[in-house]
Amino acid sequence: MDCIFCKLAQGEIPTDVLYEDEEIFVFTDQNPQAPVHFLAIPKKHIASLNEADADDAALLGRLLLRIRQIAEDEGFAADGYRVVNNIGQDGGQSVAHIHFHVLAGRSLQWPPG
């Protein structure tokens, strides 16, 4: 499989890792859109939320709770942050591996664009 996020999670491409366990990989975004911008992915390749099924529910739940824990540990949870999951071309998904952008460290406007 030629998935850049799978390669990052497998250590084939170096990146700034914020958290890693057997199922979850969290790393800084190389093109940050806020003072804090990282990506959280499952190590299991799931192309998008449209491809996730009931067997992925616990994994995706743990991933979201890990995002919350990182926000608390890094000290930006109280001020607020945004979690974004882009799905498909019109949704802005550029890598076909489910991922959650986490942005914080400034006031985030709505609508995003």
Protein backbone atom coordinates (compact mmCIF):
# COMPACT_ATOMS: atom_id res chain seq x y z
CA MET A 1 0.00 0.00 0.00
CA ASP A 2 1.30 3.43 -0.91
CA CYS A 3 -0.27 5.45 1.93
CA ILE A 4 1.88 8.23 3.37
CA PHE A 5 0.11 8.08 6.74
CA CYS A 6 0.67 4.32 6.99
CA LYS A 7 4.35 4.92 6.21
CA LEU A 8 4.57 7.61 8.90
CA ALA A 9 2.89 5.36 11.47
CA GLN A 10 5.23 2.48 10.57
CA GLY A 11 8.29 4.71 11.01
CA GLU A 12 9.27 4.55 7.34
CA ILE A 13 9.13 8.36 7.09
CA PRO A 14 10.42 10.48 9.99
CA THR A 15 8.02 12.89 11.68
CA ASP A 16 7.53 14.68 14.99
CA VAL A 17 5.58 12.11 17.01
CA LEU A 18 3.39 13.42 19.83
CA TYR A 19 1.87 10.10 20.87
CA GLU A 20 1.98 6.50 19.78
CA ASP A 21 0.59 3.21 20.98
CA GLU A 22 -0.37 -0.08 19.32
CA GLU A 23 -3.38 1.44 17.53
CA ILE A 24 -3.01 5.24 17.47
CA PHE A 25 -0.42 7.58 15.97
CA VAL A 26 -0.36 11.34 16.58
CA PHE A 27 2.08 13.70 14.86
CA THR A 28 2.53 17.38 14.08
CA ASP A 29 1.17 18.77 10.83
CA GLN A 30 3.95 19.82 8.44
CA ASN A 31 1.83 22.72 7.16
CA PRO A 32 0.34 24.11 10.38
CA GLN A 33 -2.77 26.29 10.17
CA ALA A 34 -2.68 27.31 13.84
CA PRO A 35 -0.03 27.58 16.58
CA VAL A 36 -1.03 24.04 17.60
CA HIS A 37 -1.82 21.73 14.68
CA PHE A 38 -1.42 17.99 14.81
CA LEU A 39 -2.97 14.94 13.17
CA ALA A 40 -4.33 11.88 14.93
CA ILE A 41 -4.77 8.65 12.97
CA PRO A 42 -5.52 5.02 13.62
CA LYS A 43 -2.64 2.78 12.56
CA LYS A 44 -5.22 0.58 10.88
CA HIS A 45 -5.75 1.81 7.35
CA ILE A 46 -9.29 3.13 6.99
CA ALA A 47 -9.66 5.30 3.90
CA SER A 48 -12.23 7.70 5.38
CA LEU A 49 -15.16 7.88 7.75
CA ASN A 50 -17.26 6.60 4.85
CA GLU A 51 -15.22 3.36 4.95
CA ALA A 52 -15.37 2.86 8.74
CA ASP A 53 -17.69 0.18 10.05
CA ALA A 54 -19.04 -1.02 13.39
CA ASP A 55 -15.81 -2.93 14.07
CA ASP A 56 -13.94 0.43 14.01
CA ALA A 57 -16.19 2.16 16.57
CA ALA A 58 -14.08 1.39 19.65
CA LEU A 59 -10.84 2.33 17.89
CA LEU A 60 -12.23 5.66 16.67
CA GLY A 61 -13.66 6.37 20.11
CA ARG A 62 -10.27 5.73 21.74
CA LEU A 63 -8.64 8.00 19.16
CA LEU A 64 -11.00 10.87 20.00
CA LEU A 65 -10.44 10.37 23.72
CA ARG A 66 -6.68 10.41 23.11
CA ILE A 67 -7.08 13.77 21.35
CA ARG A 68 -8.87 15.09 24.43
CA GLN A 69 -6.12 13.76 26.70
CA ILE A 70 -3.40 15.42 24.61
CA ALA A 71 -5.34 18.70 24.71
CA GLU A 72 -5.46 18.45 28.50
CA ASP A 73 -1.80 17.43 28.81
CA GLU A 74 -0.63 20.22 26.50
CA GLY A 75 -2.71 22.81 28.34
CA PHE A 76 -5.05 24.05 25.62
CA ALA A 77 -8.20 22.08 26.46
CA ALA A 78 -9.66 24.81 28.68
CA ASP A 79 -9.23 27.53 26.03
CA GLY A 80 -10.75 25.36 23.31
CA TYR A 81 -9.66 23.59 20.17
CA ARG A 82 -11.06 22.28 16.92
CA VAL A 83 -11.12 18.68 15.69
CA VAL A 84 -11.65 18.35 11.93
CA ASN A 85 -12.25 15.25 9.84
CA ASN A 86 -12.40 15.89 6.10
CA ILE A 87 -14.20 13.26 4.04
CA GLY A 88 -13.84 12.89 0.29
CA GLN A 89 -12.74 15.34 -2.36
CA ASP A 90 -15.46 17.94 -1.77
CA GLY A 91 -14.87 17.67 1.97
CA GLY A 92 -11.19 18.55 1.49
CA GLN A 93 -9.67 15.14 2.23
CA SER A 94 -6.22 15.04 0.61
CA VAL A 95 -4.91 11.75 2.07
CA ALA A 96 -7.04 8.61 1.81
CA HIS A 97 -6.46 7.52 5.42
CA ILE A 98 -8.91 8.69 8.08
CA HIS A 99 -7.32 11.45 10.11
CA PHE A 100 -8.34 14.13 12.54
CA HIS A 101 -6.76 17.58 12.44
CA VAL A 102 -6.49 19.21 15.86
CA LEU A 103 -6.06 22.99 15.84
CA ALA A 104 -5.59 25.28 18.82
CA GLY A 105 -3.62 28.20 20.17
CA ARG A 106 -5.68 30.97 18.58
CA SER A 107 -9.30 31.95 18.13
CA LEU A 108 -10.74 29.79 15.36
CA GLN A 109 -13.41 31.42 13.22
CA TRP A 110 -16.57 29.93 11.78
CA PRO A 111 -17.30 29.09 9.03
CA PRO A 112 -13.83 27.75 8.29
CA GLY A 113 -13.99 28.23 4.51
